[in-house]
Amino acid sequence: MAQIYVVKDDDEAIKLANDSHYGLGGAVFSQDIERAKRMASRIETGMVYINWLTDTAAELPFGGVKRSGFGRELSDLGIKEFVNQKLVVVRR
């Protein structure tokens, strides 16, 4: 199931997409890839897919923004979210 909205321009589409307390993932469909990339950079989500449905794989970082969470899981980025790094300094 998908919700489809008709909007007058890219700015209205971005405003509508960002009008949420949540921000896990989204998708932009366009024949103009550069335009889609510009739109993707303005959408407030942790993941944006261009000409593809939202998806995940173990090698891709997964996570959202806003009330959809903070940080990432899966991939190398996700592993680092669960690591407590410690600095040890030795004065000689």
PDB file of N, CA and C in Angstrom:
ATOM      1  N   MET A   1       0.842  -1.136   0.000  1.00  0.00           N
ATOM      2  CA  MET A   1       0.000   0.000   0.000  1.00  0.00           C
ATOM      3  C   MET A   1       0.903   1.218   0.000  1.00  0.00           C
ATOM      4  N   ALA A   2       0.503   2.263  -0.705  1.00  0.00           N
ATOM      5  CA  ALA A   2       1.263   3.510  -0.745  1.00  0.00           C
ATOM      6  C   ALA A   2       0.293   4.678  -0.761  1.00  0.00           C
ATOM      7  N   GLN A   3       0.724   5.749  -0.131  1.00  0.00           N
ATOM      8  CA  GLN A   3      -0.049   6.981  -0.215  1.00  0.00           C
ATOM      9  C   GLN A   3       0.555   7.825  -1.325  1.00  0.00           C
ATOM     10  N   ILE A   4      -0.283   8.349  -2.183  1.00  0.00           N
ATOM     11  CA  ILE A   4       0.185   9.187  -3.282  1.00  0.00           C
ATOM     12  C   ILE A   4      -0.507  10.538  -3.169  1.00  0.00           C
ATOM     13  N   TYR A   5       0.293  11.588  -3.199  1.00  0.00           N
ATOM     14  CA  TYR A   5      -0.222  12.952  -3.116  1.00  0.00           C
ATOM     15  C   TYR A   5       0.155  13.703  -4.386  1.00  0.00           C
ATOM     16  N   VAL A   6      -0.706  14.583  -4.818  1.00  0.00           N
ATOM     17  CA  VAL A   6      -0.412  15.467  -5.938  1.00  0.00           C
ATOM     18  C   VAL A   6      -0.035  16.819  -5.342  1.00  0.00           C
ATOM     19  N   VAL A   7       1.151  17.318  -5.716  1.00  0.00           N
ATOM     20  CA  VAL A   7       1.634  18.600  -5.205  1.00  0.00           C
ATOM     21  C   VAL A   7       2.009  19.498  -6.379  1.00  0.00           C
ATOM     22  N   LYS A   8       2.139  20.792  -6.103  1.00  0.00           N
ATOM     23  CA  LYS A   8       2.399  21.730  -7.203  1.00  0.00           C
ATOM     24  C   LYS A   8       3.864  21.807  -7.602  1.00  0.00           C
ATOM     25  N   ASP A   9       4.791  21.528  -6.654  1.00  0.00           N
ATOM     26  CA  ASP A   9       6.213  21.630  -6.992  1.00  0.00           C
ATOM     27  C   ASP A   9       7.057  20.862  -5.971  1.00  0.00           C
ATOM     28  N   ASP A  10       8.371  20.864  -6.197  1.00  0.00           N
ATOM     29  CA  ASP A  10       9.288  20.131  -5.317  1.00  0.00           C
ATOM     30  C   ASP A  10       9.229  20.649  -3.885  1.00  0.00           C
ATOM     31  N   ASP A  11       9.149  21.964  -3.717  1.00  0.00           N
ATOM     32  CA  ASP A  11       9.110  22.536  -2.367  1.00  0.00           C
ATOM     33  C   ASP A  11       7.909  22.034  -1.581  1.00  0.00           C
ATOM     34  N   GLU A  12       6.761  21.967  -2.220  1.00  0.00           N
ATOM     35  CA  GLU A  12       5.569  21.464  -1.539  1.00  0.00           C
ATOM     36  C   GLU A  12       5.715  19.978  -1.214  1.00  0.00           C
ATOM     37  N   ALA A  13       6.339  19.230  -2.111  1.00  0.00           N
ATOM     38  CA  ALA A  13       6.566  17.802  -1.857  1.00  0.00           C
ATOM     39  C   ALA A  13       7.480  17.605  -0.649  1.00  0.00           C
ATOM     40  N   ILE A  14       8.550  18.399  -0.560  1.00  0.00           N
ATOM     41  CA  ILE A  14       9.477  18.296   0.569  1.00  0.00           C
ATOM     42  C   ILE A  14       8.777  18.686   1.864  1.00  0.00           C
ATOM     43  N   LYS A  15       8.013  19.760   1.825  1.00  0.00           N
ATOM     44  CA  LYS A  15       7.279  20.198   3.016  1.00  0.00           C
ATOM     45  C   LYS A  15       6.333  19.105   3.498  1.00  0.00           C
ATOM     46  N   LEU A  16       5.623  18.475   2.585  1.00  0.00           N
ATOM     47  CA  LEU A  16       4.702  17.398   2.933  1.00  0.00           C
ATOM     48  C   LEU A  16       5.458  16.193   3.494  1.00  0.00           C
ATOM     49  N   ALA A  17       6.562  15.833   2.860  1.00  0.00           N
ATOM     50  CA  ALA A  17       7.348  14.679   3.318  1.00  0.00           C
ATOM     51  C   ALA A  17       7.911  14.906   4.716  1.00  0.00           C
ATOM     52  N   ASN A  18       8.310  16.132   5.015  1.00  0.00           N
ATOM     53  CA  ASN A  18       8.938  16.434   6.302  1.00  0.00           C
ATOM     54  C   ASN A  18       7.938  16.764   7.404  1.00  0.00           C
ATOM     55  N   ASP A  19       6.670  16.837   7.084  1.00  0.00           N
ATOM     56  CA  ASP A  19       5.636  17.183   8.056  1.00  0.00           C
ATOM     57  C   ASP A  19       5.236  15.955   8.867  1.00  0.00           C
ATOM     58  N   SER A  20       6.178  15.466   9.654  1.00  0.00           N
ATOM     59  CA  SER A  20       5.962  14.257  10.449  1.00  0.00           C
ATOM     60  C   SER A  20       6.896  14.277  11.650  1.00  0.00           C
ATOM     61  N   HIS A  21       6.460  13.648  12.730  1.00  0.00           N
ATOM     62  CA  HIS A  21       7.336  13.481  13.891  1.00  0.00           C
ATOM     63  C   HIS A  21       8.324  12.340  13.662  1.00  0.00           C
ATOM     64  N   TYR A  22       8.130  11.586  12.603  1.00  0.00           N
ATOM     65  CA  TYR A  22       8.949  10.410  12.327  1.00  0.00           C
ATOM     66  C   TYR A  22       9.797  10.629  11.086  1.00  0.00           C
ATOM     67  N   GLY A  23      10.832   9.815  10.924  1.00  0.00           N
ATOM     68  CA  GLY A  23      11.698   9.970   9.765  1.00  0.00           C
ATOM     69  C   GLY A  23      12.558   8.750   9.524  1.00  0.00           C
ATOM     70  N   LEU A  24      11.934   7.597   9.346  1.00  0.00           N
ATOM     71  CA  LEU A  24      12.716   6.383   9.122  1.00  0.00           C
ATOM     72  C   LEU A  24      13.235   6.324   7.692  1.00  0.00           C
ATOM     73  N   GLY A  25      12.356   6.270   6.724  1.00  0.00           N
ATOM     74  CA  GLY A  25      12.815   6.169   5.338  1.00  0.00           C
ATOM     75  C   GLY A  25      11.786   6.697   4.370  1.00  0.00           C
ATOM     76  N   GLY A  26      12.246   6.959   3.164  1.00  0.00           N
ATOM     77  CA  GLY A  26      11.354   7.453   2.131  1.00  0.00           C
ATOM     78  C   GLY A  26      11.906   7.134   0.763  1.00  0.00           C
ATOM     79  N   ALA A  27      11.148   7.496  -0.245  1.00  0.00           N
ATOM     80  CA  ALA A  27      11.563   7.223  -1.619  1.00  0.00           C
ATOM     81  C   ALA A  27      11.182   8.392  -2.513  1.00  0.00           C
ATOM     82  N   VAL A  28      12.022   8.629  -3.511  1.00  0.00           N
ATOM     83  CA  VAL A  28      11.766   9.641  -4.531  1.00  0.00           C
ATOM     84  C   VAL A  28      11.810   8.927  -5.876  1.00  0.00           C
ATOM     85  N   PHE A  29      10.778   9.114  -6.671  1.00  0.00           N
ATOM     86  CA  PHE A  29      10.736   8.522  -8.003  1.00  0.00           C
ATOM     87  C   PHE A  29      10.786   9.643  -9.032  1.00  0.00           C
ATOM     88  N   SER A  30      11.762   9.573  -9.925  1.00  0.00           N
ATOM     89  CA  SER A  30      11.916  10.611 -10.941  1.00  0.00           C
ATOM     90  C   SER A  30      12.784  10.097 -12.078  1.00  0.00           C
ATOM     91  N   GLN A  31      12.533  10.585 -13.275  1.00  0.00           N
ATOM     92  CA  GLN A  31      13.426  10.282 -14.394  1.00  0.00           C
ATOM     93  C   GLN A  31      14.658  11.175 -14.362  1.00  0.00           C
ATOM     94  N   ASP A  32      14.585  12.279 -13.641  1.00  0.00           N
ATOM     95  CA  ASP A  32      15.702  13.218 -13.502  1.00  0.00           C
ATOM     96  C   ASP A  32      16.445  12.884 -12.204  1.00  0.00           C
ATOM     97  N   ILE A  33      17.503  12.096 -12.311  1.00  0.00           N
ATOM     98  CA  ILE A  33      18.220  11.606 -11.133  1.00  0.00           C
ATOM     99  C   ILE A  33      18.831  12.750 -10.327  1.00  0.00           C
ATOM    100  N   GLU A  34      19.377  13.756 -10.968  1.00  0.00           N
ATOM    101  CA  GLU A  34      19.967  14.884 -10.235  1.00  0.00           C
ATOM    102  C   GLU A  34      18.905  15.627  -9.424  1.00  0.00           C
ATOM    103  N   ARG A  35      17.743  15.799 -10.000  1.00  0.00           N
ATOM    104  CA  ARG A  35      16.629  16.421  -9.270  1.00  0.00           C
ATOM    105  C   ARG A  35      16.237  15.556  -8.077  1.00  0.00           C
ATOM    106  N   ALA A  36      16.168  14.250  -8.285  1.00  0.00           N
ATOM    107  CA  ALA A  36      15.820  13.330  -7.202  1.00  0.00           C
ATOM    108  C   ALA A  36      16.863  13.382  -6.090  1.00  0.00           C
ATOM    109  N   LYS A  37      18.136  13.486  -6.440  1.00  0.00           N
ATOM    110  CA  LYS A  37      19.193  13.598  -5.423  1.00  0.00           C
ATOM    111  C   LYS A  37      19.039  14.879  -4.610  1.00  0.00           C
ATOM    112  N   ARG A  38      18.724  15.981  -5.280  1.00  0.00           N
ATOM    113  CA  ARG A  38      18.519  17.246  -4.563  1.00  0.00           C
ATOM    114  C   ARG A  38      17.340  17.123  -3.597  1.00  0.00           C
ATOM    115  N   MET A  39      16.281  16.479  -4.047  1.00  0.00           N
ATOM    116  CA  MET A  39      15.120  16.289  -3.174  1.00  0.00           C
ATOM    117  C   MET A  39      15.473  15.374  -2.010  1.00  0.00           C
ATOM    118  N   ALA A  40      16.190  14.295  -2.293  1.00  0.00           N
ATOM    119  CA  ALA A  40      16.571  13.349  -1.241  1.00  0.00           C
ATOM    120  C   ALA A  40      17.382  14.038  -0.151  1.00  0.00           C
ATOM    121  N   SER A  41      18.241  14.970  -0.534  1.00  0.00           N
ATOM    122  CA  SER A  41      19.074  15.651   0.463  1.00  0.00           C
ATOM    123  C   SER A  41      18.252  16.556   1.373  1.00  0.00           C
ATOM    124  N   ARG A  42      17.055  16.927   0.969  1.00  0.00           N
ATOM    125  CA  ARG A  42      16.193  17.807   1.762  1.00  0.00           C
ATOM    126  C   ARG A  42      15.152  17.049   2.591  1.00  0.00           C
ATOM    127  N   ILE A  43      14.984  15.772   2.321  1.00  0.00           N
ATOM    128  CA  ILE A  43      13.997  14.978   3.054  1.00  0.00           C
ATOM    129  C   ILE A  43      14.594  14.550   4.389  1.00  0.00           C
ATOM    130  N   GLU A  44      13.860  14.801   5.469  1.00  0.00           N
ATOM    131  CA  GLU A  44      14.333  14.533   6.825  1.00  0.00           C
ATOM    132  C   GLU A  44      14.041  13.090   7.231  1.00  0.00           C
ATOM    133  N   THR A  45      14.811  12.162   6.674  1.00  0.00           N
ATOM    134  CA  THR A  45      14.710  10.750   7.029  1.00  0.00           C
ATOM    135  C   THR A  45      16.115  10.172   7.131  1.00  0.00           C
ATOM    136  N   GLY A  46      16.224   9.035   7.772  1.00  0.00           N
ATOM    137  CA  GLY A  46      17.519   8.377   7.880  1.00  0.00           C
ATOM    138  C   GLY A  46      17.940   7.684   6.597  1.00  0.00           C
ATOM    139  N   MET A  47      16.983   7.373   5.743  1.00  0.00           N
ATOM    140  CA  MET A  47      17.267   6.668   4.492  1.00  0.00           C
ATOM    141  C   MET A  47      16.346   7.214   3.407  1.00  0.00           C
ATOM    142  N   VAL A  48      16.880   7.413   2.222  1.00  0.00           N
ATOM    143  CA  VAL A  48      16.061   7.792   1.068  1.00  0.00           C
ATOM    144  C   VAL A  48      16.494   6.932  -0.111  1.00  0.00           C
ATOM    145  N   TYR A  49      15.544   6.325  -0.756  1.00  0.00           N
ATOM    146  CA  TYR A  49      15.803   5.507  -1.934  1.00  0.00           C
ATOM    147  C   TYR A  49      15.304   6.260  -3.157  1.00  0.00           C
ATOM    148  N   ILE A  50      16.081   6.246  -4.221  1.00  0.00           N
ATOM    149  CA  ILE A  50      15.687   6.893  -5.465  1.00  0.00           C
ATOM    150  C   ILE A  50      15.308   5.812  -6.470  1.00  0.00           C
ATOM    151  N   ASN A  51      14.086   5.905  -6.960  1.00  0.00           N
ATOM    152  CA  ASN A  51      13.531   4.947  -7.922  1.00  0.00           C
ATOM    153  C   ASN A  51      13.564   3.508  -7.402  1.00  0.00           C
ATOM    154  N   TRP A  52      13.367   3.361  -6.114  1.00  0.00           N
ATOM    155  CA  TRP A  52      13.338   2.040  -5.485  1.00  0.00           C
ATOM    156  C   TRP A  52      12.521   2.141  -4.209  1.00  0.00           C
ATOM    157  N   LEU A  53      11.889   1.059  -3.830  1.00  0.00           N
ATOM    158  CA  LEU A  53      11.138   1.019  -2.580  1.00  0.00           C
ATOM    159  C   LEU A  53      12.098   0.964  -1.409  1.00  0.00           C
ATOM    160  N   THR A  54      11.659   1.438  -0.263  1.00  0.00           N
ATOM    161  CA  THR A  54      12.519   1.357   0.919  1.00  0.00           C
ATOM    162  C   THR A  54      12.849  -0.103   1.184  1.00  0.00           C
ATOM    163  N   ASP A  55      14.096  -0.358   1.476  1.00  0.00           N
ATOM    164  CA  ASP A  55      14.616  -1.718   1.561  1.00  0.00           C
ATOM    165  C   ASP A  55      15.761  -1.714   2.563  1.00  0.00           C
ATOM    166  N   THR A  56      16.256  -2.861   2.908  1.00  0.00           N
ATOM    167  CA  THR A  56      17.421  -2.941   3.779  1.00  0.00           C
ATOM    168  C   THR A  56      18.227  -4.186   3.446  1.00  0.00           C
ATOM    169  N   ALA A  57      19.461  -4.149   3.832  1.00  0.00           N
ATOM    170  CA  ALA A  57      20.370  -5.285   3.677  1.00  0.00           C
ATOM    171  C   ALA A  57      21.418  -5.156   4.774  1.00  0.00           C
ATOM    172  N   ALA A  58      22.016  -6.254   5.152  1.00  0.00           N
ATOM    173  CA  ALA A  58      22.968  -6.257   6.269  1.00  0.00           C
ATOM    174  C   ALA A  58      24.140  -5.314   6.051  1.00  0.00           C
ATOM    175  N   GLU A  59      24.525  -5.078   4.811  1.00  0.00           N
ATOM    176  CA  GLU A  59      25.680  -4.218   4.542  1.00  0.00           C
ATOM    177  C   GLU A  59      25.320  -2.730   4.479  1.00  0.00           C
ATOM    178  N   LEU A  60      24.035  -2.401   4.603  1.00  0.00           N
ATOM    179  CA  LEU A  60      23.597  -1.006   4.551  1.00  0.00           C
ATOM    180  C   LEU A  60      23.227  -0.514   5.945  1.00  0.00           C
ATOM    181  N   PRO A  61      23.614   0.710   6.302  1.00  0.00           N
ATOM    182  CA  PRO A  61      23.195   1.243   7.600  1.00  0.00           C
ATOM    183  C   PRO A  61      21.683   1.452   7.618  1.00  0.00           C
ATOM    184  N   PHE A  62      21.060   1.156   8.749  1.00  0.00           N
ATOM    185  CA  PHE A  62      19.606   1.246   8.890  1.00  0.00           C
ATOM    186  C   PHE A  62      19.287   2.096  10.104  1.00  0.00           C
ATOM    187  N   GLY A  63      18.448   3.085   9.942  1.00  0.00           N
ATOM    188  CA  GLY A  63      18.026   3.895  11.076  1.00  0.00           C
ATOM    189  C   GLY A  63      17.346   5.159  10.611  1.00  0.00           C
ATOM    190  N   GLY A  64      16.704   5.816  11.560  1.00  0.00           N
ATOM    191  CA  GLY A  64      15.938   6.998  11.222  1.00  0.00           C
ATOM    192  C   GLY A  64      16.374   8.228  11.986  1.00  0.00           C
ATOM    193  N   VAL A  65      15.560   9.265  11.867  1.00  0.00           N
ATOM    194  CA  VAL A  65      15.759  10.516  12.584  1.00  0.00           C
ATOM    195  C   VAL A  65      14.436  10.897  13.242  1.00  0.00           C
ATOM    196  N   LYS A  66      14.448  11.978  13.966  1.00  0.00           N
ATOM    197  CA  LYS A  66      13.278  12.445  14.711  1.00  0.00           C
ATOM    198  C   LYS A  66      12.847  11.348  15.686  1.00  0.00           C
ATOM    199  N   ARG A  67      11.566  11.057  15.768  1.00  0.00           N
ATOM    200  CA  ARG A  67      11.078  10.026  16.702  1.00  0.00           C
ATOM    201  C   ARG A  67      11.260   8.605  16.167  1.00  0.00           C
ATOM    202  N   SER A  68      11.894   8.477  15.030  1.00  0.00           N
ATOM    203  CA  SER A  68      12.198   7.145  14.496  1.00  0.00           C
ATOM    204  C   SER A  68      13.521   6.619  15.030  1.00  0.00           C
ATOM    205  N   GLY A  69      14.179   7.381  15.881  1.00  0.00           N
ATOM    206  CA  GLY A  69      15.389   6.882  16.512  1.00  0.00           C
ATOM    207  C   GLY A  69      16.611   7.714  16.201  1.00  0.00           C
ATOM    208  N   PHE A  70      17.688   7.310  16.831  1.00  0.00           N
ATOM    209  CA  PHE A  70      18.964   7.997  16.686  1.00  0.00           C
ATOM    210  C   PHE A  70      20.032   6.943  16.470  1.00  0.00           C
ATOM    211  N   GLY A  71      20.936   7.184  15.563  1.00  0.00           N
ATOM    212  CA  GLY A  71      22.005   6.226  15.304  1.00  0.00           C
ATOM    213  C   GLY A  71      21.615   5.238  14.222  1.00  0.00           C
ATOM    214  N   ARG A  72      22.513   4.310  13.980  1.00  0.00           N
ATOM    215  CA  ARG A  72      22.320   3.328  12.920  1.00  0.00           C
ATOM    216  C   ARG A  72      22.604   1.928  13.444  1.00  0.00           C
ATOM    217  N   GLU A  73      21.973   0.968  12.823  1.00  0.00           N
ATOM    218  CA  GLU A  73      22.298  -0.432  13.064  1.00  0.00           C
ATOM    219  C   GLU A  73      22.636  -1.059  11.726  1.00  0.00           C
ATOM    220  N   LEU A  74      23.123  -2.253  11.758  1.00  0.00           N
ATOM    221  CA  LEU A  74      23.614  -2.969  10.581  1.00  0.00           C
ATOM    222  C   LEU A  74      24.873  -2.286  10.045  1.00  0.00           C
ATOM    223  N   SER A  75      25.572  -2.875   9.159  1.00  0.00           N
ATOM    224  CA  SER A  75      26.793  -2.385   8.509  1.00  0.00           C
ATOM    225  C   SER A  75      27.877  -2.030   9.522  1.00  0.00           C
ATOM    226  N   ASP A  76      29.000  -1.555   9.024  1.00  0.00           N
ATOM    227  CA  ASP A  76      30.097  -1.130   9.902  1.00  0.00           C
ATOM    228  C   ASP A  76      29.671   0.019  10.805  1.00  0.00           C
ATOM    229  N   LEU A  77      28.857   0.942  10.286  1.00  0.00           N
ATOM    230  CA  LEU A  77      28.370   2.051  11.107  1.00  0.00           C
ATOM    231  C   LEU A  77      27.537   1.543  12.275  1.00  0.00           C
ATOM    232  N   GLY A  78      26.720   0.546  12.025  1.00  0.00           N
ATOM    233  CA  GLY A  78      25.865   0.003  13.066  1.00  0.00           C
ATOM    234  C   GLY A  78      26.643  -0.680  14.163  1.00  0.00           C
ATOM    235  N   ILE A  79      27.678  -1.414  13.807  1.00  0.00           N
ATOM    236  CA  ILE A  79      28.510  -2.078  14.811  1.00  0.00           C
ATOM    237  C   ILE A  79      29.118  -1.042  15.745  1.00  0.00           C
ATOM    238  N   LYS A  80      29.570   0.078  15.200  1.00  0.00           N
ATOM    239  CA  LYS A  80      30.206   1.120  16.020  1.00  0.00           C
ATOM    240  C   LYS A  80      29.227   1.772  16.985  1.00  0.00           C
ATOM    241  N   GLU A  81      27.931   1.692  16.716  1.00  0.00           N
ATOM    242  CA  GLU A  81      26.936   2.245  17.636  1.00  0.00           C
ATOM    243  C   GLU A  81      26.909   1.483  18.962  1.00  0.00           C
ATOM    244  N   PHE A  82      27.367   0.231  18.952  1.00  0.00           N
ATOM    245  CA  PHE A  82      27.304  -0.603  20.143  1.00  0.00           C
ATOM    246  C   PHE A  82      28.659  -0.758  20.824  1.00  0.00           C
ATOM    247  N   VAL A  83      29.613   0.051  20.429  1.00  0.00           N
ATOM    248  CA  VAL A  83      30.968  -0.034  20.976  1.00  0.00           C
ATOM    249  C   VAL A  83      31.216   1.168  21.873  1.00  0.00           C
ATOM    250  N   ASN A  84      31.731   0.917  23.062  1.00  0.00           N
ATOM    251  CA  ASN A  84      32.176   1.996  23.931  1.00  0.00           C
ATOM    252  C   ASN A  84      33.668   2.159  23.727  1.00  0.00           C
ATOM    253  N   GLN A  85      34.045   3.260  23.116  1.00  0.00           N
ATOM    254  CA  GLN A  85      35.461   3.508  22.874  1.00  0.00           C
ATOM    255  C   GLN A  85      36.048   4.215  24.083  1.00  0.00           C
ATOM    256  N   LYS A  86      37.275   3.860  24.389  1.00  0.00           N
ATOM    257  CA  LYS A  86      37.936   4.447  25.547  1.00  0.00           C
ATOM    258  C   LYS A  86      39.270   5.019  25.126  1.00  0.00           C
ATOM    259  N   LEU A  87      39.566   6.198  25.627  1.00  0.00           N
ATOM    260  CA  LEU A  87      40.861   6.824  25.403  1.00  0.00           C
ATOM    261  C   LEU A  87      41.731   6.535  26.614  1.00  0.00           C
ATOM    262  N   VAL A  88      42.929   6.039  26.374  1.00  0.00           N
ATOM    263  CA  VAL A  88      43.912   5.812  27.439  1.00  0.00           C
ATOM    264  C   VAL A  88      45.145   6.626  27.089  1.00  0.00           C
ATOM    265  N   VAL A  89      45.555   7.511  27.993  1.00  0.00           N
ATOM    266  CA  VAL A  89      46.712   8.370  27.767  1.00  0.00           C
ATOM    267  C   VAL A  89      47.783   8.009  28.775  1.00  0.00           C
ATOM    268  N   VAL A  90      48.995   7.792  28.294  1.00  0.00           N
ATOM    269  CA  VAL A  90      50.140   7.503  29.163  1.00  0.00           C
ATOM    270  C   VAL A  90      51.111   8.666  29.048  1.00  0.00           C
ATOM    271  N   ARG A  91      51.378   9.292  30.162  1.00  0.00           N
ATOM    272  CA  ARG A  91      52.348  10.384  30.168  1.00  0.00           C
ATOM    273  C   ARG A  91      53.705   9.813  30.492  1.00  0.00           C
ATOM    274  N   ARG A  92      54.701  10.140  29.697  1.00  0.00           N
ATOM    275  CA  ARG A  92      56.055   9.611  29.906  1.00  0.00           C
ATOM    276  C   ARG A  92      56.966  10.669  30.425  1.00  0.00           C
TER     277      ARG A  92
END
